[in-house]
Amino acid sequence: MGNQEHHKIEGVVLGKENIPVENVWVRIYRKDNEIGDNITGTDGRYEVEFDSGSPITLIRYDHLITDSFTRRHPAIVNNISSERNHNINKVMPDKVGLGYDQYALLEILAAYEQLYVVDVAANVNAGSIRYDITQRYKGNISMIKYVDPITELRYKQVLELYKKGQ
């Protein structure tokens, strides 16, 4: 085997209004394993280094703000090559408690569903920041208002996952 190359994912986390979002915990995963993380500053910038290898299966963006009036829903990016550097300027969903159109709502629900699966696989323990985020997500999901039969079905499925607990 040759030397393993080092790469990075960097970018800016933005709100829909194109303003940088600070205090977003950016984590990258290979399968169920977290392999790097960073928290955005006031400029919304992040940089996470990693070794080349199998593809990056997930980049997750968790807003660390605890105030339910200003925190945002999480976001994800799936399936990124780990054989090169990437610049990803990720737009986070709107703040929790606002109305969403069907497309935005389905994206938000898909993120919650996938993050639930990742957190269960990681066996998140009570008392950790990861556990606190998962508990906060239960509250975030309960504030979502579905807009049609499709989003109602998805909402109920994702809410049921979080009600089961870990």
N, C-alpha and C. Protein backbone atom coordinates (compact mmCIF):
# COMPACT_ATOMS: atom_id res chain seq x y z
N MET A 1 0.83 -1.17 0.00
CA MET A 1 0.00 0.00 0.00
C MET A 1 0.88 1.24 0.00
N GLY A 2 0.45 2.24 -0.76
CA GLY A 2 1.18 3.49 -0.80
C GLY A 2 0.77 4.41 0.32
N ASN A 3 1.39 5.59 0.31
CA ASN A 3 1.03 6.58 1.32
C ASN A 3 -0.39 7.06 1.12
N GLN A 4 -1.07 7.28 2.22
CA GLN A 4 -2.43 7.78 2.16
C GLN A 4 -2.40 9.30 2.02
N GLU A 5 -3.20 9.81 1.10
CA GLU A 5 -3.26 11.25 0.88
C GLU A 5 -4.23 11.89 1.84
N HIS A 6 -3.98 13.16 2.14
CA HIS A 6 -4.87 13.94 3.00
C HIS A 6 -5.64 14.92 2.14
N HIS A 7 -6.91 15.07 2.45
CA HIS A 7 -7.78 15.99 1.71
C HIS A 7 -8.61 16.79 2.70
N LYS A 8 -9.39 17.71 2.16
CA LYS A 8 -10.25 18.49 3.05
C LYS A 8 -11.55 18.87 2.34
N ILE A 9 -12.54 19.08 3.17
CA ILE A 9 -13.80 19.66 2.74
C ILE A 9 -13.88 21.00 3.45
N GLU A 10 -14.10 22.05 2.68
CA GLU A 10 -14.20 23.38 3.28
C GLU A 10 -15.33 24.13 2.61
N GLY A 11 -15.76 25.18 3.24
CA GLY A 11 -16.82 25.98 2.65
C GLY A 11 -17.40 26.95 3.65
N VAL A 12 -18.57 27.44 3.31
CA VAL A 12 -19.30 28.38 4.16
C VAL A 12 -20.72 27.84 4.32
N VAL A 13 -21.22 27.88 5.55
CA VAL A 13 -22.60 27.52 5.82
C VAL A 13 -23.41 28.81 5.78
N LEU A 14 -24.46 28.80 4.97
CA LEU A 14 -25.27 30.00 4.76
C LEU A 14 -26.73 29.72 5.07
N GLY A 15 -27.46 30.77 5.42
CA GLY A 15 -28.90 30.69 5.51
C GLY A 15 -29.49 30.97 4.14
N LYS A 16 -30.79 30.75 4.01
CA LYS A 16 -31.44 31.00 2.71
C LYS A 16 -31.26 32.44 2.26
N GLU A 17 -31.10 33.35 3.21
CA GLU A 17 -30.92 34.77 2.88
C GLU A 17 -29.47 35.08 2.50
N ASN A 18 -28.64 34.03 2.35
CA ASN A 18 -27.24 34.14 1.92
C ASN A 18 -26.35 34.82 2.96
N ILE A 19 -26.73 34.72 4.22
CA ILE A 19 -25.94 35.27 5.32
C ILE A 19 -25.25 34.10 6.02
N PRO A 20 -23.95 34.22 6.36
CA PRO A 20 -23.25 33.13 7.04
C PRO A 20 -23.95 32.73 8.35
N VAL A 21 -23.94 31.43 8.63
CA VAL A 21 -24.53 30.90 9.85
C VAL A 21 -23.40 30.42 10.75
N GLU A 22 -23.32 30.98 11.94
CA GLU A 22 -22.28 30.55 12.89
C GLU A 22 -22.80 29.47 13.82
N ASN A 23 -21.86 28.83 14.50
CA ASN A 23 -22.17 27.76 15.47
C ASN A 23 -22.87 26.57 14.83
N VAL A 24 -22.40 26.18 13.65
CA VAL A 24 -22.88 24.95 13.01
C VAL A 24 -21.77 23.91 13.15
N TRP A 25 -22.11 22.77 13.72
CA TRP A 25 -21.18 21.67 13.91
C TRP A 25 -21.20 20.84 12.64
N VAL A 26 -20.09 20.88 11.88
CA VAL A 26 -19.97 20.15 10.62
C VAL A 26 -19.17 18.89 10.91
N ARG A 27 -19.77 17.74 10.60
CA ARG A 27 -19.11 16.45 10.84
C ARG A 27 -19.16 15.61 9.58
N ILE A 28 -18.08 14.89 9.32
CA ILE A 28 -18.05 14.01 8.16
C ILE A 28 -17.93 12.56 8.61
N TYR A 29 -18.57 11.68 7.84
CA TYR A 29 -18.66 10.26 8.18
C TYR A 29 -18.26 9.39 7.00
N ARG A 30 -17.65 8.27 7.36
CA ARG A 30 -17.52 7.12 6.46
C ARG A 30 -18.38 6.04 7.09
N LYS A 31 -19.41 5.64 6.39
CA LYS A 31 -20.40 4.70 6.96
C LYS A 31 -20.89 5.31 8.27
N ASP A 32 -20.74 4.57 9.39
CA ASP A 32 -21.22 5.06 10.69
C ASP A 32 -20.13 5.75 11.51
N ASN A 33 -18.93 5.88 10.94
CA ASN A 33 -17.80 6.41 11.69
C ASN A 33 -17.56 7.89 11.40
N GLU A 34 -17.60 8.69 12.45
CA GLU A 34 -17.26 10.11 12.31
C GLU A 34 -15.75 10.21 12.16
N ILE A 35 -15.29 10.89 11.10
CA ILE A 35 -13.84 10.95 10.85
C ILE A 35 -13.29 12.37 10.91
N GLY A 36 -14.13 13.35 11.17
CA GLY A 36 -13.64 14.72 11.31
C GLY A 36 -14.77 15.68 11.58
N ASP A 37 -14.44 16.81 12.21
CA ASP A 37 -15.45 17.80 12.50
C ASP A 37 -14.85 19.19 12.67
N ASN A 38 -15.74 20.19 12.65
CA ASN A 38 -15.35 21.59 12.86
C ASN A 38 -16.62 22.36 13.16
N ILE A 39 -16.48 23.49 13.82
CA ILE A 39 -17.62 24.37 14.12
C ILE A 39 -17.41 25.70 13.41
N THR A 40 -18.46 26.17 12.73
CA THR A 40 -18.34 27.42 11.98
C THR A 40 -18.21 28.61 12.93
N GLY A 41 -17.44 29.61 12.47
CA GLY A 41 -17.30 30.86 13.20
C GLY A 41 -18.33 31.87 12.71
N THR A 42 -18.12 33.12 13.06
CA THR A 42 -19.07 34.18 12.69
C THR A 42 -19.17 34.34 11.17
N ASP A 43 -18.12 33.93 10.45
CA ASP A 43 -18.14 34.04 8.98
C ASP A 43 -18.75 32.81 8.31
N GLY A 44 -19.21 31.82 9.12
CA GLY A 44 -19.83 30.62 8.58
C GLY A 44 -18.86 29.62 7.97
N ARG A 45 -17.56 29.91 8.04
CA ARG A 45 -16.56 29.04 7.40
C ARG A 45 -16.26 27.80 8.23
N TYR A 46 -15.93 26.73 7.50
CA TYR A 46 -15.49 25.49 8.13
C TYR A 46 -14.46 24.82 7.24
N GLU A 47 -13.66 23.97 7.85
CA GLU A 47 -12.68 23.15 7.13
C GLU A 47 -12.48 21.88 7.93
N VAL A 48 -12.64 20.73 7.26
CA VAL A 48 -12.46 19.44 7.90
C VAL A 48 -11.51 18.62 7.05
N GLU A 49 -10.43 18.15 7.66
CA GLU A 49 -9.45 17.33 6.95
C GLU A 49 -9.75 15.86 7.17
N PHE A 50 -9.34 15.04 6.19
CA PHE A 50 -9.57 13.60 6.26
C PHE A 50 -8.57 12.90 5.36
N ASP A 51 -8.39 11.61 5.58
CA ASP A 51 -7.53 10.77 4.75
C ASP A 51 -8.32 10.23 3.58
N SER A 52 -7.64 10.01 2.45
CA SER A 52 -8.31 9.39 1.31
C SER A 52 -8.70 7.96 1.70
N GLY A 53 -9.60 7.40 0.94
CA GLY A 53 -10.08 6.05 1.23
C GLY A 53 -11.45 5.87 0.63
N SER A 54 -12.27 5.10 1.32
CA SER A 54 -13.63 4.89 0.82
C SER A 54 -14.38 6.23 0.86
N PRO A 55 -15.43 6.35 0.06
CA PRO A 55 -16.13 7.64 -0.05
C PRO A 55 -16.67 8.16 1.29
N ILE A 56 -16.81 9.46 1.35
CA ILE A 56 -17.47 10.10 2.48
C ILE A 56 -18.96 9.84 2.28
N THR A 57 -19.60 9.18 3.22
CA THR A 57 -21.01 8.84 3.05
C THR A 57 -21.94 9.96 3.50
N LEU A 58 -21.47 10.80 4.42
CA LEU A 58 -22.36 11.83 4.95
C LEU A 58 -21.56 13.01 5.49
N ILE A 59 -22.03 14.19 5.17
CA ILE A 59 -21.60 15.40 5.86
C ILE A 59 -22.86 15.92 6.55
N ARG A 60 -22.76 16.14 7.84
CA ARG A 60 -23.93 16.63 8.58
C ARG A 60 -23.65 18.01 9.13
N TYR A 61 -24.69 18.82 9.15
CA TYR A 61 -24.61 20.21 9.60
C TYR A 61 -25.65 20.38 10.72
N ASP A 62 -25.19 20.47 11.97
CA ASP A 62 -26.07 20.62 13.13
C ASP A 62 -25.89 22.02 13.71
N HIS A 63 -26.97 22.79 13.75
CA HIS A 63 -26.92 24.12 14.35
C HIS A 63 -26.91 23.95 15.86
N LEU A 64 -25.89 24.49 16.53
CA LEU A 64 -25.72 24.29 17.97
C LEU A 64 -26.52 25.27 18.82
N ILE A 65 -27.21 26.19 18.22
CA ILE A 65 -28.00 27.17 18.96
C ILE A 65 -29.15 26.44 19.67
N THR A 66 -29.35 26.72 20.96
CA THR A 66 -30.40 26.04 21.72
C THR A 66 -31.71 26.82 21.75
N ASP A 67 -31.68 28.09 21.43
CA ASP A 67 -32.90 28.91 21.42
C ASP A 67 -33.82 28.45 20.30
N SER A 68 -35.03 28.02 20.66
CA SER A 68 -35.94 27.46 19.66
C SER A 68 -36.43 28.49 18.65
N PHE A 69 -36.20 29.78 18.89
CA PHE A 69 -36.64 30.81 17.95
C PHE A 69 -35.59 31.15 16.89
N THR A 70 -34.34 30.76 17.13
CA THR A 70 -33.28 31.10 16.18
C THR A 70 -32.55 29.89 15.61
N ARG A 71 -32.73 28.72 16.20
CA ARG A 71 -32.01 27.55 15.68
C ARG A 71 -32.62 27.08 14.37
N ARG A 72 -31.79 26.39 13.61
CA ARG A 72 -32.18 25.90 12.29
C ARG A 72 -32.27 24.38 12.29
N HIS A 73 -33.05 23.87 11.35
CA HIS A 73 -33.09 22.42 11.15
C HIS A 73 -31.73 21.96 10.64
N PRO A 74 -31.37 20.70 10.86
CA PRO A 74 -30.10 20.18 10.35
C PRO A 74 -30.13 20.01 8.84
N ALA A 75 -28.95 19.83 8.27
CA ALA A 75 -28.83 19.59 6.83
C ALA A 75 -27.79 18.49 6.62
N ILE A 76 -27.85 17.87 5.45
CA ILE A 76 -26.89 16.81 5.11
C ILE A 76 -26.47 16.94 3.66
N VAL A 77 -25.32 16.35 3.37
CA VAL A 77 -24.85 16.14 2.00
C VAL A 77 -24.37 14.69 1.98
N ASN A 78 -24.75 13.94 0.96
CA ASN A 78 -24.40 12.51 0.88
C ASN A 78 -23.42 12.23 -0.25
N ASN A 79 -22.61 11.17 -0.02
CA ASN A 79 -21.78 10.54 -1.05
C ASN A 79 -20.84 11.49 -1.78
N ILE A 80 -19.72 11.74 -1.13
CA ILE A 80 -18.68 12.63 -1.65
C ILE A 80 -17.40 11.82 -1.84
N SER A 81 -16.70 12.05 -2.91
CA SER A 81 -15.42 11.39 -3.15
C SER A 81 -14.43 11.78 -2.06
N SER A 82 -13.65 10.81 -1.60
CA SER A 82 -12.60 11.12 -0.62
C SER A 82 -11.23 11.14 -1.27
N GLU A 83 -11.22 11.20 -2.58
CA GLU A 83 -9.95 11.21 -3.31
C GLU A 83 -9.55 12.60 -3.80
N ARG A 84 -10.27 13.63 -3.33
CA ARG A 84 -9.95 15.00 -3.72
C ARG A 84 -10.51 15.97 -2.69
N ASN A 85 -10.09 17.22 -2.79
CA ASN A 85 -10.60 18.29 -1.94
C ASN A 85 -11.95 18.76 -2.47
N HIS A 86 -12.75 19.32 -1.57
CA HIS A 86 -14.07 19.82 -1.96
C HIS A 86 -14.34 21.16 -1.30
N ASN A 87 -15.08 22.01 -2.01
CA ASN A 87 -15.57 23.26 -1.46
C ASN A 87 -17.09 23.18 -1.54
N ILE A 88 -17.73 23.12 -0.38
CA ILE A 88 -19.18 22.99 -0.32
C ILE A 88 -19.72 24.17 0.49
N ASN A 89 -20.44 25.03 -0.18
CA ASN A 89 -21.12 26.14 0.48
C ASN A 89 -22.57 25.70 0.68
N LYS A 90 -22.84 25.20 1.88
CA LYS A 90 -24.13 24.57 2.18
C LYS A 90 -25.14 25.60 2.68
N VAL A 91 -26.32 25.57 2.09
CA VAL A 91 -27.42 26.42 2.55
C VAL A 91 -28.25 25.61 3.55
N MET A 92 -28.34 26.13 4.78
CA MET A 92 -29.13 25.47 5.83
C MET A 92 -30.61 25.78 5.62
N PRO A 93 -31.47 24.87 6.05
CA PRO A 93 -32.91 25.17 6.02
C PRO A 93 -33.23 26.37 6.91
N ASP A 94 -34.41 26.91 6.73
CA ASP A 94 -34.87 28.03 7.56
C ASP A 94 -34.93 27.63 9.02
N LYS A 95 -35.22 28.60 9.85
CA LYS A 95 -35.32 28.38 11.29
C LYS A 95 -36.48 27.46 11.64
N VAL A 96 -36.34 26.79 12.76
CA VAL A 96 -37.37 25.88 13.26
C VAL A 96 -38.65 26.66 13.51
N GLY A 97 -39.79 26.06 13.17
CA GLY A 97 -41.09 26.66 13.45
C GLY A 97 -41.69 27.47 12.32
N LEU A 98 -40.95 27.65 11.24
CA LEU A 98 -41.48 28.40 10.10
C LEU A 98 -42.22 27.45 9.16
N GLY A 99 -42.96 28.02 8.22
CA GLY A 99 -43.62 27.21 7.20
C GLY A 99 -42.67 26.89 6.06
N TYR A 100 -42.89 25.75 5.42
CA TYR A 100 -42.01 25.30 4.34
C TYR A 100 -42.86 24.80 3.19
N ASP A 101 -42.31 24.88 1.98
CA ASP A 101 -42.99 24.27 0.85
C ASP A 101 -42.68 22.77 0.85
N GLN A 102 -43.32 22.02 -0.02
CA GLN A 102 -43.19 20.57 -0.03
C GLN A 102 -41.73 20.13 -0.21
N TYR A 103 -41.02 20.73 -1.16
CA TYR A 103 -39.64 20.31 -1.43
C TYR A 103 -38.76 20.53 -0.21
N ALA A 104 -38.84 21.72 0.39
CA ALA A 104 -38.00 22.03 1.56
C ALA A 104 -38.34 21.11 2.72
N LEU A 105 -39.62 20.85 2.92
CA LEU A 105 -40.04 20.01 4.03
C LEU A 105 -39.57 18.56 3.85
N LEU A 106 -39.65 18.04 2.64
CA LEU A 106 -39.17 16.67 2.40
C LEU A 106 -37.66 16.58 2.62
N GLU A 107 -36.92 17.61 2.24
CA GLU A 107 -35.47 17.63 2.48
C GLU A 107 -35.17 17.65 3.98
N ILE A 108 -35.89 18.46 4.73
CA ILE A 108 -35.69 18.54 6.18
C ILE A 108 -36.00 17.20 6.84
N LEU A 109 -37.11 16.59 6.47
CA LEU A 109 -37.49 15.30 7.06
C LEU A 109 -36.50 14.20 6.71
N ALA A 110 -35.97 14.22 5.48
CA ALA A 110 -34.96 13.23 5.08
C ALA A 110 -33.69 13.39 5.91
N ALA A 111 -33.31 14.63 6.20
CA ALA A 111 -32.13 14.86 7.04
C ALA A 111 -32.36 14.30 8.44
N TYR A 112 -33.50 14.60 9.03
CA TYR A 112 -33.79 14.06 10.37
C TYR A 112 -33.78 12.54 10.38
N GLU A 113 -34.35 11.92 9.36
CA GLU A 113 -34.39 10.47 9.29
C GLU A 113 -32.98 9.88 9.21
N GLN A 114 -32.16 10.42 8.32
CA GLN A 114 -30.81 9.88 8.17
C GLN A 114 -29.96 10.13 9.41
N LEU A 115 -30.10 11.28 10.04
CA LEU A 115 -29.33 11.56 11.25
C LEU A 115 -29.77 10.67 12.40
N TYR A 116 -31.03 10.32 12.46
CA TYR A 116 -31.49 9.37 13.47
C TYR A 116 -30.76 8.04 13.30
N VAL A 117 -30.69 7.55 12.08
CA VAL A 117 -30.03 6.27 11.81
C VAL A 117 -28.55 6.35 12.18
N VAL A 118 -27.89 7.44 11.84
CA VAL A 118 -26.47 7.61 12.17
C VAL A 118 -26.28 7.63 13.69
N ASP A 119 -27.14 8.37 14.39
CA ASP A 119 -26.98 8.48 15.84
C ASP A 119 -27.29 7.17 16.57
N VAL A 120 -28.25 6.41 16.08
CA VAL A 120 -28.53 5.10 16.67
C VAL A 120 -27.32 4.17 16.46
N ALA A 121 -26.74 4.19 15.27
CA ALA A 121 -25.57 3.35 14.99
C ALA A 121 -24.39 3.74 15.87
N ALA A 122 -24.30 5.03 16.20
CA ALA A 122 -23.19 5.52 17.04
C ALA A 122 -23.46 5.30 18.52
N ASN A 123 -24.66 4.79 18.84
CA ASN A 123 -25.03 4.53 20.23
C ASN A 123 -24.80 5.77 21.10
N VAL A 124 -25.44 6.87 20.72
CA VAL A 124 -25.29 8.15 21.41
C VAL A 124 -25.73 8.01 22.86
N ASN A 125 -24.87 8.44 23.79
CA ASN A 125 -25.13 8.27 25.22
C ASN A 125 -25.71 9.54 25.85
N ALA A 126 -26.60 9.33 26.83
CA ALA A 126 -27.19 10.45 27.57
C ALA A 126 -26.06 11.26 28.22
N GLY A 127 -26.26 12.57 28.27
CA GLY A 127 -25.28 13.46 28.88
C GLY A 127 -24.28 14.04 27.90
N SER A 128 -24.24 13.53 26.67
CA SER A 128 -23.30 14.06 25.68
C SER A 128 -23.97 15.12 24.83
N ILE A 129 -23.18 15.95 24.19
CA ILE A 129 -23.73 16.97 23.28
C ILE A 129 -24.50 16.29 22.15
N ARG A 130 -24.03 15.14 21.69
CA ARG A 130 -24.72 14.41 20.64
C ARG A 130 -26.13 13.99 21.09
N TYR A 131 -26.24 13.55 22.34
CA TYR A 131 -27.54 13.17 22.89
C TYR A 131 -28.45 14.40 23.00
N ASP A 132 -27.89 15.51 23.48
CA ASP A 132 -28.68 16.74 23.60
C ASP A 132 -29.23 17.18 22.25
N ILE A 133 -28.42 17.08 21.21
CA ILE A 133 -28.88 17.45 19.87
C ILE A 133 -30.03 16.54 19.43
N THR A 134 -29.89 15.24 19.67
CA THR A 134 -30.95 14.30 19.29
C THR A 134 -32.24 14.61 20.03
N GLN A 135 -32.14 14.95 21.32
CA GLN A 135 -33.33 15.31 22.10
C GLN A 135 -33.95 16.61 21.58
N ARG A 136 -33.12 17.56 21.21
CA ARG A 136 -33.61 18.82 20.65
C ARG A 136 -34.36 18.58 19.34
N TYR A 137 -33.87 17.61 18.56
CA TYR A 137 -34.51 17.31 17.28
C TYR A 137 -35.94 16.82 17.47
N LYS A 138 -36.21 16.11 18.56
CA LYS A 138 -37.60 15.68 18.83
C LYS A 138 -38.51 16.90 18.90
N GLY A 139 -38.06 17.94 19.60
CA GLY A 139 -38.85 19.17 19.70
C GLY A 139 -38.97 19.88 18.37
N ASN A 140 -37.87 19.92 17.62
CA ASN A 140 -37.90 20.57 16.30
C ASN A 140 -38.93 19.91 15.39
N ILE A 141 -38.92 18.59 15.37
CA ILE A 141 -39.82 17.85 14.47
C ILE A 141 -41.27 18.10 14.87
N SER A 142 -41.54 18.15 16.16
CA SER A 142 -42.93 18.34 16.60
C SER A 142 -43.48 19.70 16.19
N MET A 143 -42.61 20.67 15.87
CA MET A 143 -43.07 21.99 15.44
C MET A 143 -43.30 22.09 13.93
N ILE A 144 -42.97 21.03 13.20
CA ILE A 144 -43.15 21.05 11.74
C ILE A 144 -44.62 20.93 11.41
N LYS A 145 -45.03 21.70 10.42
CA LYS A 145 -46.41 21.63 9.92
C LYS A 145 -46.36 21.10 8.49
N TYR A 146 -46.94 19.93 8.29
CA TYR A 146 -46.94 19.34 6.95
C TYR A 146 -47.91 20.11 6.05
N VAL A 147 -47.68 20.00 4.73
CA VAL A 147 -48.43 20.84 3.77
C VAL A 147 -49.33 20.05 2.83
N ASP A 148 -49.19 18.72 2.82
CA ASP A 148 -50.00 17.90 1.92
C ASP A 148 -49.92 16.44 2.39
N PRO A 149 -50.66 15.53 1.76
CA PRO A 149 -50.65 14.13 2.22
C PRO A 149 -49.26 13.47 2.18
N ILE A 150 -48.44 13.83 1.23
CA ILE A 150 -47.10 13.22 1.14
C ILE A 150 -46.25 13.66 2.32
N THR A 151 -46.22 14.96 2.60
CA THR A 151 -45.41 15.44 3.73
C THR A 151 -46.02 15.01 5.06
N GLU A 152 -47.33 14.84 5.12
CA GLU A 152 -47.95 14.34 6.35
C GLU A 152 -47.47 12.92 6.65
N LEU A 153 -47.45 12.07 5.64
CA LEU A 153 -46.98 10.70 5.82
C LEU A 153 -45.52 10.67 6.27
N ARG A 154 -44.68 11.40 5.58
CA ARG A 154 -43.24 11.43 5.93
C ARG A 154 -43.03 12.00 7.33
N TYR A 155 -43.77 13.05 7.66
CA TYR A 155 -43.68 13.66 8.99
C TYR A 155 -44.00 12.62 10.06
N LYS A 156 -45.08 11.90 9.89
CA LYS A 156 -45.49 10.92 10.89
C LYS A 156 -44.47 9.78 11.02
N GLN A 157 -43.88 9.37 9.90
CA GLN A 157 -42.86 8.31 9.94
C GLN A 157 -41.62 8.76 10.71
N VAL A 158 -41.16 9.97 10.41
CA VAL A 158 -39.94 10.47 11.07
C VAL A 158 -40.21 10.75 12.54
N LEU A 159 -41.36 11.34 12.85
CA LEU A 159 -41.71 11.61 14.24
C LEU A 159 -41.76 10.31 15.04
N GLU A 160 -42.29 9.25 14.45
CA GLU A 160 -42.36 7.96 15.13
C GLU A 160 -40.98 7.41 15.46
N LEU A 161 -40.02 7.59 14.55
CA LEU A 161 -38.65 7.17 14.84
C LEU A 161 -38.14 7.84 16.11
N TYR A 162 -38.31 9.14 16.20
CA TYR A 162 -37.79 9.89 17.34
C TYR A 162 -38.57 9.60 18.62
N LYS A 163 -39.83 9.26 18.50
CA LYS A 163 -40.62 8.90 19.69
C LYS A 163 -40.16 7.58 20.26
N LYS A 164 -39.66 6.67 19.40
CA LYS A 164 -39.17 5.37 19.87
C LYS A 164 -38.02 5.55 20.84
N GLY A 165 -37.24 6.61 20.63
CA GLY A 165 -36.06 6.82 21.46
C GLY A 165 -34.92 5.94 21.00
N GLN A 166 -33.86 5.99 21.75
CA GLN A 166 -32.68 5.24 21.36
C GLN A 166 -32.34 4.20 22.39
